[in-house]
Amino acid sequence: MSRLAVLFLAVQCAETQSPVPTPESAALVALYDSTDGSGWTKSDNWQNADKTGASYVGLVCNWYGVDCDGTSNVLYLDLKSNQLSGTLPDSLASLTALIDLVASHNQHLGGSLPATLSAMKDLEWMSLWNNSISGTIPSSYTHSLSAMTELDVSLNNISGTLPSTLSSLNGLKLLFVEQNFISGTVPTTLDAMGLTQFLAHTNAISGTLPTPGFKSTITTIALHTNGLSGTIPDTYWNNMTNLAELDLMGNWIEGTLPTTMPGMQSLTVLTLYHNFLSGTLPADPLATTTALEMLGLWNNSLSGTIPSDVGNLTKLTRLELNLNSMSGTLPPSLFNLTAISTLWLDSNRISGTLPDPTNLTALRDLSFPNNSISGSLPPELGRVTNLQWMVCWKNQLSGWFPTNVSQLPYFSYLAASRNSLSGTLPSDLQSWTALEFLISDRNFISGSLPSLPPALAMMLLYDNRVSGNLPHNLANTTTLQTMVCEDNRILSLIHI
């Protein structure tokens, strides 16, 4: 068939298509009127609506964002990011055949969720995130929207509690209610649902985590930044065999980490920081949760040593153990994690020396201030070619930085204050082309100031033993904002 014939056939089908039933077309006209349709970003063909009383005469299936089936019932309505302003009309429920309702990212779309939408028996996907919708989630939804697979009302102003009758939505897979003002507890009835993702973080949810929790279908639980308390039930570690992400940070959760996690083989992200966990970091889970990519445990009350089994986490990219009470020395296996890019060990009680970092080929951010780490920095540090930040203030480090650190192409931030560093600043400091911050006050650095790096924005060297003149290229260093060198023996002090 020729292209011309195909085009003729398509036009003929469009011309013979039956009009959308009057209640459906009238509902779309009401939506246009109640959300300032004239101000939409795109409103192709909507503005040409032929209104006769309360009805619309003609076709709507060629309106922007509207898709119909062969009998001209409206099946899909997608008006995301379209500058809708106003409220959703109750008459929208007349779209009884609708499968997808998408009106997300319209920040001036407010009002409450119409309870009448429960009449949409075929609705599978309701996406209304990042709007200004307020009020509660109507309980009628949970009784009637049996076809619903995804409900996304995140980033709104929704309040009230999560209905305990949510479990009636047997087909619901994705429940996204994060960043609202939802209070109350997590319904215990959720364990009857086949949810795969439950995102309810950044609300005002309190109480304990529901027991037994969720079915094994669950892959993501995000409840961070709420007011949850109590402990994490054992069923979370044992039964949720498909769980990939568990995010409970920023709550009031206490207790200890389990000694075994037999159901956590799929876990890739575990973030429990800013809670009240105590006890030690158990060795066995670190030997079995080998899919783990991020482990965030900072700002708890964990103690004990870092187990050598951490070396089994070969996919780990972020390890955050800062702001705890961990002690002992750093296991060499920790420095064999070739995928790790962020290693935070700040404010613990770790002692000993730094292991050989040669294998940390992906490391970008190394932070271990406020510990008791001693000795010289290993010469292999210059082989960590992706290193960008190194924060090691308030330790017991001695010597100076290895000379080959100048070869690191991305090294931009060095904070090494309050150690026992000695020796002179490297004569090739100017060749540290990426260095922006050099903070090494309250040490025992001596010698003269070499020429400054071209990107340097801050240099803090006060309370050392530096002498001589100011760098000859100081006047040409256009990026420098702060330079403090008091309490040294420099002939001309400067404080920019």
Protein backbone atom coordinates (compact mmCIF):
# COMPACT_ATOMS: atom_id res chain seq x y z
CA MET A 1 0.00 0.00 0.00
CA SER A 2 1.34 3.42 -0.95
CA ARG A 3 2.10 6.11 1.64
CA LEU A 4 -0.64 8.25 0.09
CA ALA A 5 -3.19 5.46 0.54
CA VAL A 6 -2.15 4.96 4.17
CA LEU A 7 -2.53 8.68 4.83
CA PHE A 8 -5.99 8.71 3.18
CA LEU A 9 -7.09 5.73 5.29
CA ALA A 10 -5.87 7.38 8.52
CA VAL A 11 -7.78 10.59 7.73
CA GLN A 12 -10.88 8.64 6.83
CA CYS A 13 -10.74 6.74 10.17
CA ALA A 14 -10.36 9.99 12.08
CA GLU A 15 -13.33 11.52 10.27
CA THR A 16 -15.56 8.51 10.94
CA GLN A 17 -14.54 8.08 14.57
CA SER A 18 -17.50 8.29 16.93
CA PRO A 19 -17.67 11.28 19.25
CA VAL A 20 -16.67 10.77 22.86
CA PRO A 21 -19.73 10.24 25.06
CA THR A 22 -21.13 13.55 26.29
CA PRO A 23 -20.32 13.09 30.02
CA GLU A 24 -16.66 12.38 29.17
CA SER A 25 -16.29 15.32 26.82
CA ALA A 26 -18.05 17.58 29.32
CA ALA A 27 -15.63 16.40 32.04
CA LEU A 28 -12.66 17.42 29.91
CA VAL A 29 -14.20 20.83 29.26
CA ALA A 30 -14.74 21.21 33.02
CA LEU A 31 -11.10 20.29 33.63
CA TYR A 32 -9.96 22.91 31.12
CA ASP A 33 -12.11 25.55 32.79
CA SER A 34 -11.19 24.68 36.39
CA THR A 35 -7.43 24.61 35.76
CA ASP A 36 -7.08 27.81 33.69
CA GLY A 37 -6.75 26.03 30.37
CA SER A 38 -5.91 29.27 28.59
CA GLY A 39 -2.70 29.39 30.61
CA TRP A 40 -1.55 25.84 29.89
CA THR A 41 1.80 25.34 28.24
CA LYS A 42 0.20 23.10 25.61
CA SER A 43 -3.51 23.04 24.84
CA ASP A 44 -3.66 21.95 21.20
CA ASN A 45 -7.33 21.76 20.12
CA TRP A 46 -8.65 22.23 23.67
CA GLN A 47 -9.21 25.94 23.15
CA ASN A 48 -11.36 25.19 20.10
CA ALA A 49 -13.92 23.24 22.11
CA ASP A 50 -17.44 23.67 20.75
CA LYS A 51 -19.62 24.01 23.82
CA THR A 52 -23.37 23.73 23.59
CA GLY A 53 -24.84 24.16 27.02
CA ALA A 54 -23.13 21.60 29.24
CA SER A 55 -22.18 19.26 26.40
CA TYR A 56 -19.47 19.16 23.80
CA VAL A 57 -20.28 18.40 20.18
CA GLY A 58 -17.48 16.65 18.31
CA LEU A 59 -14.29 14.70 18.97
CA VAL A 60 -11.78 15.20 21.81
CA CYS A 61 -9.36 12.42 20.99
CA ASN A 62 -7.07 14.78 19.12
CA TRP A 63 -6.76 17.17 22.06
CA TYR A 64 -3.32 17.48 23.58
CA GLY A 65 -2.71 14.77 26.20
CA VAL A 66 -5.89 12.80 25.42
CA ASP A 67 -5.86 9.27 24.00
CA CYS A 68 -8.93 7.18 23.26
CA ASP A 69 -9.79 3.63 22.33
CA GLY A 70 -11.60 2.42 19.23
CA THR A 71 -15.01 3.33 20.66
CA SER A 72 -13.86 6.87 21.56
CA ASN A 73 -13.76 6.35 25.31
CA VAL A 74 -10.98 8.39 26.90
CA LEU A 75 -8.36 5.94 28.22
CA TYR A 76 -5.31 8.10 28.88
CA LEU A 77 -5.01 11.68 30.11
CA ASP A 78 -1.47 13.05 30.40
CA LEU A 79 -1.09 16.73 31.30
CA LYS A 80 2.13 16.62 33.28
CA SER A 81 4.33 19.73 33.42
CA ASN A 82 1.64 21.77 31.68
CA GLN A 83 1.02 24.74 34.03
CA LEU A 84 -2.37 23.59 35.26
CA SER A 85 -3.63 26.04 37.89
CA GLY A 86 -6.71 25.47 40.00
CA THR A 87 -8.38 22.27 41.14
CA LEU A 88 -9.44 18.94 39.72
CA PRO A 89 -13.23 18.99 39.13
CA ASP A 90 -15.50 16.33 40.62
CA SER A 91 -16.91 15.69 37.14
CA LEU A 92 -13.56 14.21 36.10
CA ALA A 93 -15.01 10.99 37.49
CA SER A 94 -17.15 10.81 34.33
CA LEU A 95 -14.05 9.45 32.54
CA THR A 96 -15.15 6.00 33.63
CA ALA A 97 -12.92 4.14 31.16
CA LEU A 98 -9.77 6.05 32.11
CA ILE A 99 -6.68 3.89 32.73
CA ASP A 100 -3.96 6.54 33.30
CA LEU A 101 -4.45 9.91 34.98
CA VAL A 102 -1.22 11.92 34.85
CA ALA A 103 -1.16 15.56 35.99
CA SER A 104 2.14 15.70 37.85
CA HIS A 105 4.51 18.64 38.13
CA ASN A 106 1.87 21.35 37.99
CA GLN A 107 2.80 23.33 41.08
CA HIS A 108 -0.30 25.53 41.03
CA LEU A 109 -2.70 22.60 40.89
CA GLY A 110 -4.25 22.53 44.34
CA GLY A 111 -7.43 21.68 46.15
CA SER A 112 -8.17 18.23 47.46
CA LEU A 113 -8.28 14.84 45.80
CA PRO A 114 -11.86 14.45 44.50
CA ALA A 115 -13.54 11.55 46.27
CA THR A 116 -15.62 11.05 43.12
CA LEU A 117 -12.57 9.63 41.31
CA SER A 118 -13.38 6.34 43.03
CA ALA A 119 -15.85 5.83 40.16
CA MET A 120 -12.94 5.18 37.79
CA LYS A 121 -13.07 1.43 38.13
CA ASP A 122 -10.47 0.83 35.40
CA LEU A 123 -7.93 3.36 36.67
CA GLU A 124 -4.49 1.75 36.98
CA TRP A 125 -2.14 4.70 37.33
CA MET A 126 -2.74 7.96 39.19
CA SER A 127 0.28 10.25 39.02
CA LEU A 128 -0.24 13.62 40.74
CA TRP A 129 3.19 14.24 42.26
CA ASN A 130 4.78 17.66 42.73
CA ASN A 131 1.60 19.71 42.89
CA SER A 132 -0.07 21.69 45.69
CA ILE A 133 -2.84 19.23 46.50
CA SER A 134 -3.98 19.21 50.13
CA GLY A 135 -6.47 17.33 52.27
CA THR A 136 -6.43 13.59 52.86
CA ILE A 137 -6.37 10.49 50.70
CA PRO A 138 -10.09 9.63 50.32
CA SER A 139 -10.95 6.30 51.90
CA SER A 140 -13.31 5.67 48.98
CA TYR A 141 -10.26 5.08 46.78
CA THR A 142 -9.31 2.02 48.75
CA HIS A 143 -12.75 0.49 48.38
CA SER A 144 -13.30 1.11 44.67
CA LEU A 145 -10.07 1.51 42.70
CA SER A 146 -9.40 -2.21 42.53
CA ALA A 147 -7.46 -1.95 39.25
CA MET A 148 -4.94 0.55 40.65
CA THR A 149 -1.29 -0.50 40.31
CA GLU A 150 0.42 2.85 41.01
CA LEU A 151 -0.63 5.74 43.26
CA ASP A 152 1.80 8.67 43.29
CA VAL A 153 0.79 11.76 45.27
CA SER A 154 4.27 12.66 46.52
CA LEU A 155 5.52 16.24 46.92
CA ASN A 156 2.16 17.75 47.80
CA ASN A 157 0.52 19.10 50.97
CA ILE A 158 -1.49 15.99 51.82
CA SER A 159 -2.21 15.44 55.51
CA GLY A 160 -4.09 12.95 57.63
CA THR A 161 -3.16 9.30 57.98
CA LEU A 162 -2.60 6.45 55.59
CA PRO A 163 -5.93 4.56 55.41
CA SER A 164 -5.76 1.12 56.97
CA THR A 165 -8.00 -0.02 54.11
CA LEU A 166 -5.15 0.45 51.62
CA SER A 167 -4.77 -3.30 51.79
CA SER A 168 -8.00 -3.56 49.76
CA LEU A 169 -6.02 -2.42 46.73
CA ASN A 170 -4.75 -5.91 46.00
CA GLY A 171 -3.14 -4.93 42.70
CA LEU A 172 -1.26 -1.89 44.00
CA LYS A 173 2.47 -2.23 43.37
CA LEU A 174 3.82 1.31 43.75
CA LEU A 175 2.70 3.56 46.63
CA PHE A 176 4.46 6.94 46.64
CA VAL A 177 3.35 9.43 49.31
CA GLU A 178 6.69 10.99 50.24
CA GLN A 179 7.25 14.65 51.10
CA ASN A 180 3.80 15.48 52.41
CA PHE A 181 2.39 16.09 55.90
CA ILE A 182 1.06 12.61 56.58
CA SER A 183 0.92 11.59 60.24
CA GLY A 184 -0.15 8.55 62.20
CA THR A 185 1.46 5.15 61.85
CA VAL A 186 2.30 2.82 58.99
CA PRO A 187 -0.76 0.55 58.69
CA THR A 188 -0.06 -3.02 59.75
CA THR A 189 -2.40 -4.15 57.00
CA LEU A 190 0.21 -3.36 54.36
CA ASP A 191 1.63 -6.84 54.89
CA ALA A 192 -1.36 -8.19 52.95
CA MET A 193 -0.44 -6.23 49.82
CA GLY A 194 1.93 -7.17 47.04
CA LEU A 195 3.73 -3.82 47.06
CA THR A 196 7.07 -3.61 45.28
CA GLN A 197 7.90 0.00 46.28
CA PHE A 198 6.72 1.99 49.29
CA LEU A 199 8.00 5.56 49.50
CA ALA A 200 6.68 7.57 52.46
CA HIS A 201 9.74 9.51 53.56
CA THR A 202 9.76 13.12 54.74
CA ASN A 203 6.41 13.11 56.51
CA ALA A 204 5.35 13.08 60.17
CA ILE A 205 4.74 9.34 60.49
CA SER A 206 5.35 7.96 63.97
CA GLY A 207 5.05 4.72 65.88
CA THR A 208 6.96 1.55 65.17
CA LEU A 209 7.65 -0.31 61.95
CA PRO A 210 4.74 -2.64 61.16
CA THR A 211 5.17 -6.32 61.92
CA PRO A 212 5.56 -8.60 60.07
CA GLY A 213 6.06 -5.80 57.55
CA PHE A 214 5.75 -6.45 53.84
CA LYS A 215 5.53 -9.39 51.49
CA SER A 216 8.62 -10.72 49.76
CA THR A 217 7.62 -8.77 46.63
CA ILE A 218 8.87 -5.53 48.20
CA THR A 219 12.04 -4.09 46.65
CA THR A 220 12.14 -0.55 48.10
CA ILE A 221 11.16 0.85 51.50
CA ALA A 222 11.89 4.55 52.03
CA LEU A 223 10.67 5.92 55.37
CA HIS A 224 13.47 8.30 56.19
CA THR A 225 12.91 11.67 57.88
CA ASN A 226 9.89 10.72 59.94
CA GLY A 227 9.39 10.06 63.66
CA LEU A 228 9.55 6.28 63.72
CA SER A 229 10.77 4.62 66.91
CA GLY A 230 11.38 1.15 68.30
CA THR A 231 13.51 -1.50 66.67
CA ILE A 232 13.68 -3.02 63.19
CA PRO A 233 11.72 -6.31 63.28
CA ASP A 234 13.61 -9.48 62.45
CA THR A 235 11.17 -10.19 59.63
CA TYR A 236 12.68 -7.31 57.66
CA TRP A 237 16.08 -8.99 57.65
CA ASN A 238 14.81 -12.55 57.18
CA ASN A 239 11.75 -12.57 54.91
CA MET A 240 12.03 -9.72 52.42
CA THR A 241 14.22 -11.61 50.00
CA ASN A 242 13.79 -9.16 47.11
CA LEU A 243 14.44 -6.01 49.14
CA ALA A 244 17.03 -3.88 47.36
CA GLU A 245 16.75 -0.59 49.27
CA LEU A 246 15.93 0.01 52.94
CA ASP A 247 16.10 3.69 53.90
CA LEU A 248 15.16 4.52 57.51
CA MET A 249 17.57 7.36 58.22
CA GLY A 250 16.51 10.35 60.29
CA ASN A 251 14.17 8.60 62.73
CA TRP A 252 14.33 7.48 66.39
CA ILE A 253 15.07 3.82 65.72
CA GLU A 254 17.11 2.02 68.36
CA GLY A 255 18.43 -1.44 69.07
CA THR A 256 21.28 -3.32 67.43
CA LEU A 257 22.02 -4.59 63.96
CA PRO A 258 21.21 -8.29 63.52
CA THR A 259 23.97 -10.85 63.66
CA THR A 260 22.54 -12.52 60.54
CA MET A 261 20.58 -11.23 57.55
CA PRO A 262 19.60 -14.41 55.69
CA GLY A 263 17.05 -12.63 53.49
CA MET A 264 19.22 -9.75 52.38
CA GLN A 265 21.03 -11.19 49.36
CA SER A 266 19.36 -8.61 47.08
CA LEU A 267 20.06 -5.59 49.30
CA THR A 268 22.01 -2.84 47.53
CA VAL A 269 21.25 0.23 49.71
CA LEU A 270 21.01 0.26 53.51
CA THR A 271 20.76 3.73 55.03
CA LEU A 272 20.13 3.88 58.78
CA TYR A 273 22.08 6.97 59.72
CA HIS A 274 20.91 9.61 62.19
CA ASN A 275 19.16 7.14 64.49
CA PHE A 276 19.97 5.64 67.90
CA LEU A 277 21.42 2.26 66.93
CA SER A 278 23.97 0.76 69.30
CA GLY A 279 26.13 -2.31 69.53
CA THR A 280 28.73 -3.44 67.05
CA LEU A 281 28.92 -3.78 63.29
CA PRO A 282 28.32 -7.54 62.94
CA ALA A 283 30.66 -9.56 60.74
CA ASP A 284 28.28 -12.18 59.33
CA PRO A 285 25.94 -9.80 57.43
CA LEU A 286 28.97 -8.19 55.83
CA ALA A 287 29.99 -11.60 54.57
CA THR A 288 26.58 -12.39 53.03
CA THR A 289 25.08 -9.10 51.77
CA THR A 290 27.54 -9.03 48.90
CA ALA A 291 25.24 -7.02 46.58
CA LEU A 292 25.47 -4.01 48.91
CA GLU A 293 26.49 -0.78 47.19
CA MET A 294 25.77 1.78 49.91
CA LEU A 295 25.99 1.37 53.68
CA GLY A 296 25.05 4.51 55.62
CA LEU A 297 25.31 4.21 59.42
CA TRP A 298 26.64 7.61 60.46
CA ASN A 299 25.43 9.46 63.56
CA ASN A 300 24.44 6.48 65.67
CA SER A 301 26.07 4.98 68.76
CA LEU A 302 27.84 2.03 67.17
CA SER A 303 30.98 0.75 68.87
CA GLY A 304 33.58 -1.95 68.41
CA THR A 305 35.86 -2.42 65.44
CA ILE A 306 35.28 -2.50 61.69
CA PRO A 307 35.19 -6.24 60.83
CA SER A 308 37.62 -7.49 58.22
CA ASP A 309 34.59 -9.07 56.49
CA VAL A 310 33.86 -5.63 55.05
CA GLY A 311 36.29 -6.69 52.33
CA ASN A 312 33.57 -9.03 50.99
CA LEU A 313 31.46 -6.07 49.90
CA THR A 314 33.16 -5.81 46.54
CA LYS A 315 30.33 -3.74 45.02
CA LEU A 316 30.32 -1.15 47.80
CA THR A 317 30.60 2.43 46.54
CA ARG A 318 29.75 4.38 49.74
CA LEU A 319 30.59 3.54 53.35
CA GLU A 320 29.50 6.08 55.95
CA LEU A 321 30.48 5.21 59.53
CA ASN A 322 31.18 8.72 60.80
CA LEU A 323 29.89 10.10 64.11
CA ASN A 324 29.89 6.84 66.02
CA SER A 325 32.16 5.38 68.71
CA MET A 326 34.02 2.80 66.65
CA SER A 327 37.52 1.91 67.73
CA GLY A 328 40.43 -0.31 66.80
CA THR A 329 42.46 -0.11 63.62
CA LEU A 330 41.40 0.01 59.99
CA PRO A 331 41.38 -3.48 58.44
CA PRO A 332 43.50 -3.73 55.27
CA SER A 333 40.53 -5.43 53.56
CA LEU A 334 38.66 -2.12 53.75
CA PHE A 335 41.30 -0.58 51.51
CA ASN A 336 40.91 -3.35 48.93
CA LEU A 337 37.41 -2.25 47.89
CA THR A 338 38.06 -1.23 44.32
CA ALA A 339 34.51 0.13 43.72
CA ILE A 340 34.32 2.44 46.74
CA SER A 341 34.15 6.15 45.93
CA THR A 342 33.15 7.61 49.33
CA LEU A 343 34.69 6.54 52.65
CA TRP A 344 33.60 8.52 55.72
CA LEU A 345 35.07 7.58 59.10
CA ASP A 346 34.87 10.96 60.88
CA SER A 347 34.63 11.38 64.65
CA ASN A 348 35.21 7.88 65.93
CA ARG A 349 38.00 6.42 68.08
CA ILE A 350 39.95 4.72 65.33
CA SER A 351 43.70 4.38 65.85
CA GLY A 352 46.68 2.86 64.06
CA THR A 353 47.93 3.84 60.63
CA LEU A 354 46.36 4.08 57.21
CA PRO A 355 46.65 0.86 55.19
CA ASP A 356 48.05 0.83 51.67
CA PRO A 357 45.39 2.57 49.48
CA THR A 358 46.71 1.35 46.12
CA ASN A 359 43.55 -0.65 45.34
CA LEU A 360 41.17 2.26 46.02
CA THR A 361 41.07 3.08 42.33
CA ALA A 362 37.55 4.60 42.43
CA LEU A 363 37.98 6.60 45.65
CA ARG A 364 37.06 10.28 45.40
CA ASP A 365 36.20 11.30 48.96
CA LEU A 366 38.34 10.11 51.91
CA SER A 367 37.34 11.56 55.28
CA PHE A 368 38.62 10.45 58.70
CA PRO A 369 38.98 13.59 60.91
CA ASN A 370 38.73 13.57 64.70
CA ASN A 371 40.24 10.13 65.30
CA SER A 372 43.60 8.94 66.62
CA ILE A 373 45.19 7.77 63.38
CA SER A 374 48.95 8.20 63.48
CA GLY A 375 52.08 7.72 61.41
CA SER A 376 52.89 9.09 58.00
CA LEU A 377 50.52 9.09 55.08
CA PRO A 378 51.32 6.11 52.84
CA PRO A 379 53.33 6.94 49.70
CA GLU A 380 50.81 4.93 47.65
CA LEU A 381 48.30 7.74 48.18
CA GLY A 382 49.59 9.27 44.97
CA ARG A 383 48.25 6.26 43.06
CA VAL A 384 44.62 6.94 44.02
CA THR A 385 44.10 8.77 40.76
CA ASN A 386 40.43 9.72 41.29
CA LEU A 387 40.94 11.26 44.74
CA GLN A 388 39.31 14.69 45.04
CA TRP A 389 38.77 15.33 48.75
CA MET A 390 40.83 14.31 51.75
CA VAL A 391 39.80 15.41 55.24
CA CYS A 392 42.06 14.25 58.08
CA TRP A 393 42.15 17.06 60.66
CA LYS A 394 42.59 16.36 64.38
CA ASN A 395 44.52 13.10 64.23
CA GLN A 396 48.12 12.27 65.10
CA LEU A 397 49.56 12.25 61.59
CA SER A 398 53.22 13.09 61.14
CA GLY A 399 55.56 13.73 58.23
CA TRP A 400 54.11 15.40 55.15
CA PHE A 401 52.15 14.40 52.08
CA PRO A 402 53.82 12.10 49.58
CA THR A 403 55.41 14.01 46.73
CA ASN A 404 53.48 12.11 44.07
CA VAL A 405 50.18 13.57 45.32
CA SER A 406 50.91 16.41 42.90
CA GLN A 407 50.17 13.95 40.09
CA LEU A 408 46.53 13.49 41.14
CA PRO A 409 44.52 15.29 38.43
CA TYR A 410 41.35 15.94 40.47
CA PHE A 411 42.74 16.55 43.98
CA SER A 412 40.99 19.79 45.02
CA TYR A 413 40.42 19.74 48.80
CA LEU A 414 42.91 19.01 51.60
CA ALA A 415 41.99 19.61 55.26
CA ALA A 416 44.77 18.41 57.58
CA SER A 417 44.61 20.83 60.54
CA ARG A 418 45.60 19.92 64.12
CA ASN A 419 48.00 17.07 63.43
CA SER A 420 51.75 16.78 63.87
CA LEU A 421 52.62 17.31 60.22
CA SER A 422 56.12 18.62 59.69
CA GLY A 423 58.60 19.29 56.94
CA THR A 424 58.21 21.85 54.20
CA LEU A 425 55.46 22.53 51.73
CA PRO A 426 56.26 20.81 48.42
CA SER A 427 58.28 22.97 46.07
CA ASP A 428 56.03 21.89 43.19
CA LEU A 429 52.82 23.03 44.94
CA GLN A 430 52.08 25.18 41.91
CA SER A 431 51.71 22.01 39.84
CA TRP A 432 48.74 20.86 41.99
CA THR A 433 46.53 22.37 39.32
CA ALA A 434 43.16 21.22 40.73
CA LEU A 435 43.83 22.25 44.36
CA GLU A 436 41.28 24.81 45.60
CA PHE A 437 41.47 24.43 49.39
CA LEU A 438 44.65 23.90 51.42
CA ILE A 439 43.81 23.85 55.13
CA SER A 440 46.72 22.76 57.31
CA ASP A 441 46.79 25.10 60.29
CA ARG A 442 48.14 24.14 63.75
CA ASN A 443 50.89 21.79 62.61
CA PHE A 444 54.68 22.00 62.51
CA ILE A 445 55.18 22.92 58.85
CA SER A 446 58.37 24.86 58.20
CA GLY A 447 60.29 26.32 55.27
CA SER A 448 59.07 29.02 52.90
CA LEU A 449 55.87 29.39 50.92
CA PRO A 450 56.27 28.04 47.37
CA SER A 451 54.38 29.40 44.37
CA LEU A 452 50.65 28.91 44.75
CA PRO A 453 48.44 26.61 42.64
CA PRO A 454 46.43 28.39 39.92
CA ALA A 455 42.97 27.37 41.23
CA LEU A 456 43.61 28.01 44.94
CA ALA A 457 40.65 29.71 46.70
CA MET A 458 41.59 29.23 50.39
CA MET A 459 44.87 28.66 52.24
CA LEU A 460 44.93 28.34 56.02
CA LEU A 461 48.43 27.84 57.42
CA TYR A 462 48.30 29.77 60.67
CA ASP A 463 50.11 28.49 63.76
CA ASN A 464 52.95 26.69 61.96
CA ARG A 465 56.66 27.48 61.48
CA VAL A 466 56.60 28.83 57.94
CA SER A 467 59.17 31.55 57.25
CA GLY A 468 60.51 33.68 54.42
CA ASN A 469 58.64 35.85 51.97
CA LEU A 470 55.20 35.67 50.46
CA PRO A 471 54.92 33.65 47.21
CA HIS A 472 56.10 35.60 44.19
CA ASN A 473 52.99 34.72 42.16
CA LEU A 474 50.54 35.86 44.86
CA ALA A 475 49.54 38.96 42.92
CA ASN A 476 48.61 36.82 39.91
CA THR A 477 46.48 34.31 41.83
CA THR A 478 43.04 35.55 40.78
CA THR A 479 41.02 32.76 42.44
CA LEU A 480 42.36 33.29 45.98
CA GLN A 481 39.70 34.51 48.42
CA THR A 482 41.13 33.68 51.86
CA MET A 483 44.74 33.31 52.99
CA VAL A 484 45.52 33.20 56.71
CA CYS A 485 49.12 32.71 57.82
CA GLU A 486 49.30 34.30 61.28
CA ASP A 487 51.58 32.87 63.97
CA ASN A 488 54.35 31.99 61.55
CA ARG A 489 57.62 33.71 60.64
CA ILE A 490 56.59 35.18 57.33
CA LEU A 491 58.07 38.62 56.68
CA SER A 492 54.77 40.13 55.44
CA LEU A 493 51.52 38.76 56.82
CA ILE A 494 48.41 38.81 54.69
CA HIS A 495 44.79 38.22 55.53
CA ILE A 496 42.60 38.58 52.46
